[in-house]
């Protein structure tokens, strides 16, 4: 089953992440509808409240979604191998899914996965760039000393509706060649995950399966590329800035991303 529940006690309770919210408070701007609510306790620890039914919507986010442009063999493999008897499907988002899920969901958990690091090594020719001028999006690499914060969503609807959502995600993430099944943890001190076997899309360095892999680049090269790339889903810089705000809401300290966002703003301001 995708996203097996680990503990009913955890499910019924709010989850507290001990963090210093004031550290990034000055950076928050704009209004992006996040799939979780925040309240601050007197000790300024961050409390995330589970929400039911907050992600209901008709259709999907991308108006250029083409259900025929899907790797149907890969889609069928996911369906046949990983849907449980109860039909629950959970997806872990660490990139654009943080701020723009784009599909209906019935439950959401904010947390982190262990052993992975977020990097800007994937090229985008389908959403935030073109073949002639690729954008840059984030992917994950294995790193035993790292954790990556994100959001897990339980797909809404009956099994047929969830299959349609999964097909949309297969289209949306079609340039990400690997499907990983990760355990999601809710608090720093947790030894046991609150969700197991959650589906996560990763772009690898296998250039045969992933021809859009770009690999590492200097901060300046990343900033110049992101500032200049635009694709069917919009400017690459918008992707970066929404990521910046989303990470502040999940309270992950990704200093490299914050520095990159500031440099891209400088480039755009000077144009």
Protein backbone atom coordinates (compact mmCIF):
# COMPACT_ATOMS: atom_id res chain seq x y z
CA UNK A 1 0.00 0.00 0.00
CA UNK A 2 1.23 3.49 -0.78
CA UNK A 3 1.46 5.56 2.38
CA UNK A 4 0.64 3.09 5.13
CA UNK A 5 -0.34 4.75 8.41
CA UNK A 6 2.13 4.06 11.21
CA UNK A 7 0.19 5.26 14.23
CA UNK A 8 -3.43 6.13 14.96
CA UNK A 9 -2.25 8.25 17.87
CA UNK A 10 -0.15 10.36 15.54
CA UNK A 11 -3.02 10.61 13.08
CA UNK A 12 -5.33 12.06 15.70
CA UNK A 13 -2.90 14.61 17.05
CA UNK A 14 -1.31 17.82 15.89
CA UNK A 15 2.39 17.61 15.01
CA UNK A 16 4.85 20.07 16.52
CA UNK A 17 8.16 20.96 14.92
CA UNK A 18 10.51 22.80 17.27
CA UNK A 19 11.91 25.64 15.25
CA UNK A 20 12.43 29.37 15.40
CA UNK A 21 9.71 30.90 13.20
CA UNK A 22 11.09 34.42 13.58
CA UNK A 23 14.25 33.48 11.68
CA UNK A 24 12.53 33.59 8.28
CA UNK A 25 9.49 35.67 9.11
CA UNK A 26 10.95 38.71 7.37
CA UNK A 27 11.16 36.80 4.10
CA UNK A 28 7.46 35.90 3.82
CA UNK A 29 5.56 37.81 1.16
CA UNK A 30 2.67 37.30 -1.19
CA UNK A 31 -0.22 34.93 -0.73
CA UNK A 32 0.18 31.32 -1.83
CA UNK A 33 -2.52 28.90 -0.64
CA UNK A 34 -0.62 26.27 1.33
CA UNK A 35 -2.21 22.93 2.15
CA UNK A 36 -1.69 23.27 5.89
CA UNK A 37 -2.41 25.82 8.60
CA UNK A 38 0.08 27.30 11.04
CA UNK A 39 -0.32 28.47 14.61
CA UNK A 40 2.42 29.69 16.93
CA UNK A 41 2.54 28.65 20.55
CA UNK A 42 3.93 30.90 23.26
CA UNK A 43 7.26 29.08 22.95
CA UNK A 44 7.27 29.87 19.22
CA UNK A 45 7.37 26.22 18.25
CA UNK A 46 5.66 25.59 14.96
CA UNK A 47 2.48 23.56 15.09
CA UNK A 48 1.07 21.97 11.99
CA UNK A 49 -2.58 21.00 12.10
CA UNK A 50 -3.82 18.17 9.94
CA UNK A 51 -6.56 19.24 7.59
CA UNK A 52 -9.25 17.12 5.98
CA UNK A 53 -10.75 17.88 2.58
CA UNK A 54 -8.76 21.07 2.03
CA UNK A 55 -7.57 20.08 -1.43
CA UNK A 56 -10.83 19.36 -3.18
CA UNK A 57 -10.98 20.74 -6.71
CA UNK A 58 -12.36 19.99 -10.16
CA UNK A 59 -9.81 19.14 -12.82
CA UNK A 60 -6.08 19.71 -12.54
CA UNK A 61 -3.81 22.73 -12.21
CA UNK A 62 -2.09 22.69 -15.62
CA UNK A 63 -4.35 23.75 -18.47
CA UNK A 64 -1.94 22.16 -20.98
CA UNK A 65 -2.24 18.72 -19.34
CA UNK A 66 -2.44 15.99 -21.99
CA UNK A 67 -3.47 12.56 -20.59
CA UNK A 68 -2.19 10.91 -23.76
CA UNK A 69 1.32 12.25 -23.13
CA UNK A 70 1.95 9.74 -20.34
CA UNK A 71 4.26 6.74 -20.10
CA UNK A 72 1.40 4.26 -19.80
CA UNK A 73 3.65 1.27 -19.09
CA UNK A 74 5.20 3.10 -16.13
CA UNK A 75 1.77 4.29 -15.03
CA UNK A 76 0.41 0.74 -15.06
CA UNK A 77 3.41 -0.52 -13.13
CA UNK A 78 2.76 2.00 -10.37
CA UNK A 79 -0.92 1.06 -10.28
CA UNK A 80 -0.39 -2.69 -10.23
CA UNK A 81 2.47 -2.72 -7.75
CA UNK A 82 1.63 -0.12 -5.17
CA UNK A 83 -2.08 0.48 -4.64
CA UNK A 84 -3.26 -1.11 -1.41
CA UNK A 85 -6.54 -2.88 -0.83
CA UNK A 86 -7.98 0.22 0.82
CA UNK A 87 -7.04 2.33 -2.20
CA UNK A 88 -4.98 4.89 -0.26
CA UNK A 89 -2.31 6.61 -2.34
CA UNK A 90 0.11 9.10 -0.80
CA UNK A 91 2.48 11.41 -2.71
CA UNK A 92 5.52 13.20 -1.22
CA UNK A 93 6.29 16.61 -2.70
CA UNK A 94 9.63 18.40 -2.26
CA UNK A 95 9.51 20.82 -5.21
CA UNK A 96 6.56 22.44 -6.96
CA UNK A 97 4.15 20.09 -5.17
CA UNK A 98 5.00 21.96 -1.96
CA UNK A 99 3.16 25.08 -3.09
CA UNK A 100 1.03 23.92 -6.04
CA UNK A 101 -0.29 20.37 -5.66
CA UNK A 102 -2.75 20.91 -8.49
CA UNK A 103 -5.00 17.96 -7.57
CA UNK A 104 -7.59 16.99 -4.98
CA UNK A 105 -6.35 15.53 -1.68
CA UNK A 106 -8.17 14.44 1.47
CA UNK A 107 -5.34 14.54 4.02
CA UNK A 108 -1.93 16.13 4.27
CA UNK A 109 1.15 15.63 6.44
CA UNK A 110 4.11 17.98 6.67
CA UNK A 111 7.34 16.19 7.42
CA UNK A 112 10.70 15.07 6.08
CA UNK A 113 12.46 12.11 4.52
CA UNK A 114 15.88 10.84 5.54
CA UNK A 115 18.91 10.16 3.38
CA UNK A 116 18.11 12.57 0.55
CA UNK A 117 19.30 16.08 -0.36
CA UNK A 118 17.50 18.60 -2.58
CA UNK A 119 19.62 19.88 -5.51
CA UNK A 120 19.08 22.01 -8.63
CA UNK A 121 20.44 19.43 -11.07
CA UNK A 122 17.44 18.73 -13.30
CA UNK A 123 16.75 20.50 -16.57
CA UNK A 124 13.18 21.43 -17.44
CA UNK A 125 12.05 21.60 -21.06
CA UNK A 126 8.37 20.85 -20.43
CA UNK A 127 7.35 23.22 -17.63
CA UNK A 128 9.91 25.92 -16.74
CA UNK A 129 12.00 26.05 -19.90
CA UNK A 130 12.27 24.89 -23.48
CA UNK A 131 14.53 22.55 -25.43
CA UNK A 132 16.42 25.58 -26.69
CA UNK A 133 16.65 27.20 -23.27
CA UNK A 134 16.11 24.68 -20.45
CA UNK A 135 15.12 25.76 -16.99
CA UNK A 136 16.35 24.26 -13.71
CA UNK A 137 14.22 22.35 -11.23
CA UNK A 138 15.01 20.48 -8.05
CA UNK A 139 15.54 16.76 -7.66
CA UNK A 140 16.93 14.55 -4.90
CA UNK A 141 20.27 12.83 -4.52
CA UNK A 142 21.15 10.26 -1.90
CA UNK A 143 23.04 11.69 1.06
CA UNK A 144 23.11 9.73 4.29
CA UNK A 145 23.64 12.88 6.37
CA UNK A 146 20.75 14.90 4.91
CA UNK A 147 17.02 15.21 5.37
CA UNK A 148 14.58 16.88 3.00
CA UNK A 149 11.40 18.55 4.20
CA UNK A 150 8.21 18.43 2.18
CA UNK A 151 4.52 17.61 2.18
CA UNK A 152 2.74 14.27 1.79
CA UNK A 153 -0.73 14.29 0.24
CA UNK A 154 -3.35 11.57 0.34
CA UNK A 155 -5.10 11.53 -3.03
CA UNK A 156 -8.80 12.36 -2.82
CA UNK A 157 -11.71 10.41 -4.25
CA UNK A 158 -12.49 6.80 -5.03
CA UNK A 159 -10.01 4.47 -6.70
CA UNK A 160 -10.91 5.62 -10.22
CA UNK A 161 -10.50 9.29 -9.28
CA UNK A 162 -7.16 8.53 -7.64
CA UNK A 163 -6.02 6.72 -10.78
CA UNK A 164 -6.84 9.82 -12.85
CA UNK A 165 -4.87 11.98 -10.41
CA UNK A 166 -1.95 9.57 -10.58
CA UNK A 167 -2.07 9.75 -14.38
CA UNK A 168 -1.91 13.56 -14.14
CA UNK A 169 1.11 13.28 -11.83
CA UNK A 170 2.79 10.86 -14.25
CA UNK A 171 2.35 13.51 -16.97
CA UNK A 172 3.47 16.34 -14.73
CA UNK A 173 6.57 14.47 -13.57
CA UNK A 174 7.31 12.69 -16.87
CA UNK A 175 10.85 14.09 -17.05
CA UNK A 176 11.57 12.54 -13.64
CA UNK A 177 12.63 9.00 -14.44
CA UNK A 178 12.57 7.27 -11.04
CA UNK A 179 9.73 6.46 -8.63
CA UNK A 180 11.02 6.12 -5.09
CA UNK A 181 8.95 4.96 -2.11
CA UNK A 182 9.94 6.89 0.99
CA UNK A 183 9.12 6.94 4.70
CA UNK A 184 7.92 10.28 6.05
CA UNK A 185 8.83 11.46 9.54
CA UNK A 186 6.97 14.14 11.47
CA UNK A 187 9.37 15.39 14.13
CA UNK A 188 13.12 15.56 14.56
CA UNK A 189 13.17 13.12 17.47
CA UNK A 190 10.99 10.52 15.72
CA UNK A 191 12.54 7.09 15.21
CA UNK A 192 9.48 5.68 13.47
CA UNK A 193 7.84 7.25 10.38
CA UNK A 194 4.23 8.42 10.41
CA UNK A 195 3.84 7.27 6.78
CA UNK A 196 5.53 4.42 4.95
CA UNK A 197 6.03 3.73 1.25
CA UNK A 198 4.98 7.18 0.01
CA UNK A 199 5.43 7.72 -3.73
CA UNK A 200 8.08 10.30 -4.64
CA UNK A 201 9.25 11.38 -8.13
CA UNK A 202 13.02 11.76 -8.58
CA UNK A 203 15.14 12.74 -11.60
CA UNK A 204 18.37 10.73 -11.65
CA UNK A 205 21.72 11.14 -13.39
CA UNK A 206 20.91 8.28 -15.78
CA UNK A 207 21.02 10.28 -19.00
CA UNK A 208 19.58 7.44 -21.06
CA UNK A 209 16.39 7.45 -19.00
CA UNK A 210 16.65 11.14 -18.14
CA UNK A 211 18.10 13.17 -21.04
CA UNK A 212 17.29 16.43 -19.25
CA UNK A 213 19.75 15.79 -16.42
CA UNK A 214 22.12 18.78 -16.14
CA UNK A 215 24.10 18.12 -12.97
CA UNK A 216 25.87 20.58 -10.67
CA UNK A 217 26.60 24.19 -11.60
CA UNK A 218 27.98 27.26 -9.87
CA UNK A 219 25.59 29.55 -8.03
CA UNK A 220 26.08 32.26 -10.66
CA UNK A 221 25.42 29.89 -13.57
CA UNK A 222 22.29 28.59 -11.86
CA UNK A 223 21.03 32.12 -11.26
CA UNK A 224 21.62 33.24 -14.85
CA UNK A 225 19.93 30.16 -16.27
CA UNK A 226 16.90 30.40 -13.96
CA UNK A 227 16.49 34.13 -14.56
CA UNK A 228 16.36 33.63 -18.34
CA UNK A 229 14.26 30.47 -18.72
CA UNK A 230 10.52 30.43 -19.42
CA UNK A 231 8.32 27.43 -20.27
CA UNK A 232 4.68 26.39 -20.67
CA UNK A 233 4.13 26.56 -16.89
CA UNK A 234 5.72 30.00 -16.58
CA UNK A 235 9.07 31.62 -15.73
CA UNK A 236 11.72 29.49 -14.05
CA UNK A 237 12.21 32.33 -11.57
CA UNK A 238 8.59 31.97 -10.43
CA UNK A 239 9.25 28.30 -9.65
CA UNK A 240 12.25 29.32 -7.54
CA UNK A 241 10.44 32.11 -5.68
CA UNK A 242 7.46 29.89 -4.87
CA UNK A 243 9.88 27.24 -3.62
CA UNK A 244 11.54 29.86 -1.44
CA UNK A 245 8.27 30.83 0.19
CA UNK A 246 7.10 27.24 0.54
CA UNK A 247 10.28 26.23 2.37
CA UNK A 248 9.81 29.07 4.79
CA UNK A 249 6.36 27.70 5.57
CA UNK A 250 7.70 24.21 6.27
CA UNK A 251 10.57 25.85 8.16
CA UNK A 252 13.39 24.18 6.28
CA UNK A 253 16.64 26.12 6.37
CA UNK A 254 17.84 25.84 2.76
CA UNK A 255 20.37 28.66 2.74
CA UNK A 256 21.62 27.77 -0.75
CA UNK A 257 18.14 28.22 -2.16
CA UNK A 258 17.64 31.53 -0.35
CA UNK A 259 20.95 32.88 -1.67
CA UNK A 260 20.04 31.68 -5.18
CA UNK A 261 16.66 33.42 -5.01
CA UNK A 262 18.28 36.69 -3.94
CA UNK A 263 20.79 36.48 -6.80
CA UNK A 264 18.04 35.81 -9.37
CA UNK A 265 16.12 38.82 -8.06
CA UNK A 266 19.23 40.94 -8.55
CA UNK A 267 19.60 39.75 -12.15
CA UNK A 268 15.95 40.39 -12.98
CA UNK A 269 16.10 43.82 -11.33
CA UNK A 270 19.10 44.81 -13.47
CA UNK A 271 17.53 43.75 -16.78
